[in-house]
């Protein structure tokens, strides 16, 4: 579906679609489960994310490394997203910015 959309959208809109529909789903509730992922599951998520990022440039068959593709697309690495979301949750818990029922568990 993304390849079809990519033919009709520019790069910025394709990145927005990816962030709003794919990255959100891959990282849903990640502060809760991301730190307990085994290496092979984390690698599968990275691979899935990279697969979608490869669709963003106009040349789909281009074989580039993950860091290069992330830089071209302006996206973040999944590990970075997991770390940032976990850090924000911990900060909010420390400063009582989360609901008390979450902080007490």
N, C-alpha and C. Protein backbone atom coordinates (compact mmCIF):
# COMPACT_ATOMS: atom_id res chain seq x y z
N UNK A 1 0.82 -1.18 0.00
CA UNK A 1 0.00 0.00 0.00
C UNK A 1 0.87 1.26 0.00
N UNK A 2 1.96 1.23 0.77
CA UNK A 2 2.84 2.40 0.81
C UNK A 2 3.48 2.67 -0.54
N UNK A 3 3.82 1.62 -1.26
CA UNK A 3 4.41 1.83 -2.59
C UNK A 3 3.40 2.50 -3.52
N UNK A 4 2.16 2.11 -3.42
CA UNK A 4 1.11 2.74 -4.22
C UNK A 4 0.96 4.22 -3.82
N UNK A 5 0.92 4.47 -2.50
CA UNK A 5 0.79 5.85 -2.03
C UNK A 5 1.99 6.69 -2.44
N UNK A 6 3.17 6.07 -2.39
CA UNK A 6 4.40 6.80 -2.71
C UNK A 6 4.37 7.33 -4.14
N UNK A 7 3.70 6.61 -5.02
CA UNK A 7 3.63 7.06 -6.41
C UNK A 7 2.79 8.33 -6.54
N UNK A 8 1.90 8.56 -5.59
CA UNK A 8 0.97 9.69 -5.67
C UNK A 8 1.25 10.80 -4.64
N UNK A 9 2.16 10.55 -3.72
CA UNK A 9 2.48 11.54 -2.69
C UNK A 9 3.94 11.95 -2.80
N UNK A 10 4.25 13.12 -2.27
CA UNK A 10 5.66 13.49 -2.22
C UNK A 10 6.30 12.86 -0.98
N UNK A 11 7.59 13.06 -0.82
CA UNK A 11 8.35 12.39 0.25
C UNK A 11 7.84 12.81 1.63
N UNK A 12 7.58 14.09 1.84
CA UNK A 12 7.13 14.56 3.15
C UNK A 12 5.80 13.92 3.55
N UNK A 13 4.89 13.83 2.61
CA UNK A 13 3.59 13.22 2.92
C UNK A 13 3.72 11.71 3.15
N UNK A 14 4.61 11.07 2.43
CA UNK A 14 4.85 9.64 2.64
C UNK A 14 5.40 9.40 4.04
N UNK A 15 6.31 10.24 4.48
CA UNK A 15 6.88 10.13 5.83
C UNK A 15 5.79 10.35 6.87
N UNK A 16 4.92 11.32 6.64
CA UNK A 16 3.81 11.55 7.59
C UNK A 16 2.92 10.33 7.70
N UNK A 17 2.58 9.74 6.56
CA UNK A 17 1.73 8.54 6.56
C UNK A 17 2.42 7.42 7.33
N UNK A 18 3.71 7.27 7.08
CA UNK A 18 4.44 6.21 7.78
C UNK A 18 4.47 6.44 9.29
N UNK A 19 4.74 7.66 9.69
CA UNK A 19 4.79 7.96 11.12
C UNK A 19 3.43 7.78 11.78
N UNK A 20 2.39 8.20 11.09
CA UNK A 20 1.06 8.17 11.69
C UNK A 20 0.40 6.79 11.66
N UNK A 21 0.75 5.96 10.71
CA UNK A 21 0.06 4.68 10.60
C UNK A 21 0.93 3.46 10.90
N UNK A 22 2.22 3.58 10.77
CA UNK A 22 3.07 2.41 10.97
C UNK A 22 3.90 2.52 12.24
N UNK A 23 4.65 3.60 12.36
CA UNK A 23 5.51 3.74 13.54
C UNK A 23 4.68 3.77 14.82
N UNK A 24 3.54 4.43 14.78
CA UNK A 24 2.66 4.47 15.95
C UNK A 24 2.26 3.06 16.37
N UNK A 25 1.93 2.23 15.41
CA UNK A 25 1.50 0.87 15.73
C UNK A 25 2.66 -0.01 16.20
N UNK A 26 3.82 0.18 15.61
CA UNK A 26 4.99 -0.62 16.02
C UNK A 26 5.41 -0.26 17.43
N UNK A 27 5.29 1.00 17.81
CA UNK A 27 5.79 1.45 19.11
C UNK A 27 4.70 1.66 20.15
N UNK A 28 3.51 1.19 19.90
CA UNK A 28 2.39 1.38 20.83
C UNK A 28 2.73 0.79 22.20
N UNK A 29 2.62 1.58 23.24
CA UNK A 29 2.91 1.19 24.63
C UNK A 29 4.33 0.68 24.80
N UNK A 30 5.25 1.15 24.00
CA UNK A 30 6.62 0.65 24.05
C UNK A 30 7.32 0.85 25.40
N UNK A 31 7.02 1.88 26.20
CA UNK A 31 7.68 1.96 27.50
C UNK A 31 7.40 0.74 28.38
N UNK A 32 6.29 0.08 28.14
CA UNK A 32 5.93 -1.07 28.95
C UNK A 32 6.65 -2.34 28.50
N UNK A 33 6.75 -2.57 27.19
CA UNK A 33 7.25 -3.84 26.71
C UNK A 33 8.61 -3.81 26.02
N UNK A 34 9.08 -2.64 25.60
CA UNK A 34 10.30 -2.59 24.77
C UNK A 34 11.55 -3.07 25.49
N UNK A 35 11.67 -2.78 26.77
CA UNK A 35 12.87 -3.18 27.49
C UNK A 35 12.96 -4.68 27.76
N UNK A 36 11.86 -5.37 27.60
CA UNK A 36 11.87 -6.81 27.84
C UNK A 36 11.94 -7.63 26.55
N UNK A 37 12.11 -6.97 25.41
CA UNK A 37 12.18 -7.68 24.14
C UNK A 37 13.48 -8.47 24.03
N UNK A 38 13.37 -9.67 23.52
CA UNK A 38 14.57 -10.45 23.23
C UNK A 38 15.20 -9.89 21.97
N UNK A 39 16.48 -10.21 21.79
CA UNK A 39 17.24 -9.65 20.68
C UNK A 39 16.60 -9.97 19.33
N UNK A 40 16.15 -11.21 19.13
CA UNK A 40 15.60 -11.58 17.83
C UNK A 40 14.29 -10.85 17.53
N UNK A 41 13.46 -10.60 18.54
CA UNK A 41 12.22 -9.85 18.31
C UNK A 41 12.51 -8.38 18.01
N UNK A 42 13.48 -7.84 18.71
CA UNK A 42 13.88 -6.44 18.45
C UNK A 42 14.44 -6.32 17.03
N UNK A 43 15.21 -7.32 16.61
CA UNK A 43 15.76 -7.31 15.26
C UNK A 43 14.65 -7.41 14.21
N UNK A 44 13.61 -8.19 14.48
CA UNK A 44 12.49 -8.28 13.55
C UNK A 44 11.76 -6.95 13.43
N UNK A 45 11.58 -6.25 14.55
CA UNK A 45 10.94 -4.94 14.50
C UNK A 45 11.79 -3.94 13.72
N UNK A 46 13.11 -3.97 13.94
CA UNK A 46 14.00 -3.08 13.19
C UNK A 46 13.90 -3.38 11.69
N UNK A 47 13.89 -4.65 11.37
CA UNK A 47 13.80 -5.05 9.97
C UNK A 47 12.49 -4.60 9.34
N UNK A 48 11.40 -4.75 10.07
CA UNK A 48 10.10 -4.31 9.58
C UNK A 48 10.09 -2.80 9.36
N UNK A 49 10.64 -2.06 10.30
CA UNK A 49 10.71 -0.61 10.17
C UNK A 49 11.56 -0.22 8.96
N UNK A 50 12.69 -0.89 8.78
CA UNK A 50 13.56 -0.59 7.65
C UNK A 50 12.88 -0.92 6.33
N UNK A 51 12.10 -1.97 6.31
CA UNK A 51 11.36 -2.34 5.11
C UNK A 51 10.43 -1.21 4.68
N UNK A 52 9.75 -0.61 5.64
CA UNK A 52 8.85 0.49 5.32
C UNK A 52 9.62 1.75 4.92
N UNK A 53 10.76 1.97 5.55
CA UNK A 53 11.56 3.16 5.23
C UNK A 53 12.10 3.08 3.80
N UNK A 54 12.38 1.86 3.33
CA UNK A 54 12.89 1.70 1.97
C UNK A 54 11.88 2.17 0.92
N UNK A 55 10.62 2.25 1.28
CA UNK A 55 9.59 2.67 0.33
C UNK A 55 9.60 4.19 0.13
N UNK A 56 10.14 4.92 1.06
CA UNK A 56 10.06 6.38 1.01
C UNK A 56 10.77 6.99 -0.21
N UNK A 57 12.01 6.61 -0.52
CA UNK A 57 12.61 7.20 -1.72
C UNK A 57 11.90 6.74 -2.99
N UNK A 58 12.09 7.47 -4.05
CA UNK A 58 11.41 7.10 -5.30
C UNK A 58 11.96 5.82 -5.91
N UNK A 59 13.23 5.50 -5.63
CA UNK A 59 13.82 4.27 -6.15
C UNK A 59 13.69 3.19 -5.08
N UNK A 60 12.66 2.35 -5.17
CA UNK A 60 12.36 1.36 -4.14
C UNK A 60 13.43 0.28 -4.05
N UNK A 61 14.11 0.01 -5.13
CA UNK A 61 15.07 -1.09 -5.15
C UNK A 61 16.44 -0.68 -4.64
N UNK A 62 16.60 0.55 -4.27
CA UNK A 62 17.87 1.05 -3.80
C UNK A 62 18.29 0.31 -2.53
N UNK A 63 19.50 -0.22 -2.52
CA UNK A 63 20.00 -0.98 -1.36
C UNK A 63 20.95 -0.08 -0.57
N UNK A 64 20.46 0.48 0.50
CA UNK A 64 21.25 1.33 1.38
C UNK A 64 21.19 0.78 2.79
N UNK A 65 22.17 1.14 3.58
CA UNK A 65 22.20 0.69 4.97
C UNK A 65 21.09 1.37 5.77
N UNK A 66 20.77 0.80 6.91
CA UNK A 66 19.71 1.37 7.75
C UNK A 66 20.01 2.78 8.20
N UNK A 67 21.23 3.07 8.69
CA UNK A 67 21.50 4.45 9.12
C UNK A 67 21.34 5.47 7.98
N UNK A 68 21.77 5.07 6.77
CA UNK A 68 21.64 5.99 5.63
C UNK A 68 20.17 6.21 5.31
N UNK A 69 19.38 5.14 5.30
CA UNK A 69 17.95 5.27 5.01
C UNK A 69 17.23 6.09 6.08
N UNK A 70 17.62 5.91 7.33
CA UNK A 70 17.02 6.72 8.40
C UNK A 70 17.35 8.19 8.21
N UNK A 71 18.60 8.46 7.85
CA UNK A 71 19.00 9.85 7.65
C UNK A 71 18.27 10.46 6.44
N UNK A 72 18.15 9.71 5.36
CA UNK A 72 17.46 10.21 4.17
C UNK A 72 15.99 10.50 4.48
N UNK A 73 15.36 9.59 5.21
CA UNK A 73 13.93 9.73 5.49
C UNK A 73 13.63 10.70 6.62
N UNK A 74 14.62 11.00 7.44
CA UNK A 74 14.39 11.87 8.58
C UNK A 74 13.70 11.16 9.73
N UNK A 75 13.67 9.84 9.67
CA UNK A 75 13.04 9.04 10.72
C UNK A 75 14.06 8.72 11.81
N UNK A 76 13.56 8.24 12.95
CA UNK A 76 14.44 7.83 14.04
C UNK A 76 14.53 6.32 14.09
N UNK A 77 15.61 5.85 14.64
CA UNK A 77 15.80 4.44 14.89
C UNK A 77 14.78 3.98 15.93
N UNK A 78 14.30 2.75 15.81
CA UNK A 78 13.31 2.25 16.78
C UNK A 78 13.86 2.24 18.20
N UNK A 79 15.12 1.91 18.36
CA UNK A 79 15.71 1.91 19.71
C UNK A 79 15.69 3.30 20.31
N UNK A 80 15.92 4.31 19.50
CA UNK A 80 15.86 5.69 19.96
C UNK A 80 14.44 6.06 20.38
N UNK A 81 13.47 5.64 19.60
CA UNK A 81 12.07 5.91 19.94
C UNK A 81 11.71 5.23 21.24
N UNK A 82 12.09 3.96 21.39
CA UNK A 82 11.82 3.23 22.63
C UNK A 82 12.45 3.93 23.83
N UNK A 83 13.71 4.34 23.69
CA UNK A 83 14.42 4.99 24.78
C UNK A 83 13.76 6.32 25.16
N UNK A 84 13.41 7.13 24.16
CA UNK A 84 12.79 8.42 24.44
C UNK A 84 11.45 8.26 25.15
N UNK A 85 10.64 7.32 24.67
CA UNK A 85 9.32 7.13 25.28
C UNK A 85 9.44 6.60 26.71
N UNK A 86 10.39 5.70 26.94
CA UNK A 86 10.61 5.19 28.31
C UNK A 86 11.11 6.31 29.21
N UNK A 87 12.00 7.14 28.70
CA UNK A 87 12.54 8.25 29.49
C UNK A 87 11.45 9.25 29.86
N UNK A 88 10.57 9.55 28.91
CA UNK A 88 9.47 10.48 29.18
C UNK A 88 8.54 9.91 30.25
N UNK A 89 8.23 8.62 30.14
CA UNK A 89 7.36 8.00 31.13
C UNK A 89 7.99 8.05 32.52
N UNK A 90 9.27 7.73 32.62
CA UNK A 90 9.96 7.77 33.92
C UNK A 90 9.98 9.19 34.48
N UNK A 91 10.26 10.16 33.63
CA UNK A 91 10.25 11.56 34.06
C UNK A 91 8.88 11.95 34.62
N UNK A 92 7.83 11.57 33.88
CA UNK A 92 6.48 11.92 34.32
C UNK A 92 6.13 11.22 35.64
N UNK A 93 6.57 9.99 35.80
CA UNK A 93 6.30 9.28 37.06
C UNK A 93 7.03 9.93 38.23
N UNK A 94 8.28 10.31 38.00
CA UNK A 94 9.07 10.94 39.07
C UNK A 94 8.46 12.27 39.48
N UNK A 95 7.96 13.02 38.54
CA UNK A 95 7.43 14.36 38.83
C UNK A 95 5.91 14.38 38.98
N UNK A 96 5.33 13.21 39.20
CA UNK A 96 3.89 13.08 39.44
C UNK A 96 3.03 13.71 38.34
N UNK A 97 3.44 13.53 37.12
CA UNK A 97 2.68 14.05 35.99
C UNK A 97 1.81 12.98 35.34
N UNK A 98 1.92 11.77 35.82
CA UNK A 98 1.08 10.65 35.35
C UNK A 98 0.00 10.40 36.38
N UNK A 99 -1.08 9.75 36.01
CA UNK A 99 -2.12 9.42 36.98
C UNK A 99 -1.55 8.61 38.14
N UNK A 100 -2.04 8.85 39.33
CA UNK A 100 -1.48 8.19 40.52
C UNK A 100 -1.63 6.67 40.46
N UNK A 101 -2.66 6.15 39.83
CA UNK A 101 -2.81 4.70 39.76
C UNK A 101 -1.67 4.07 38.94
N UNK A 102 -1.13 4.80 37.98
CA UNK A 102 0.00 4.30 37.20
C UNK A 102 1.29 4.41 38.02
N UNK A 103 1.44 5.47 38.76
CA UNK A 103 2.65 5.68 39.55
C UNK A 103 2.76 4.71 40.69
N UNK A 104 1.64 4.22 41.20
CA UNK A 104 1.65 3.34 42.37
C UNK A 104 1.90 1.89 42.01
N UNK A 105 1.77 1.51 40.75
CA UNK A 105 1.94 0.12 40.38
C UNK A 105 3.36 -0.25 40.16
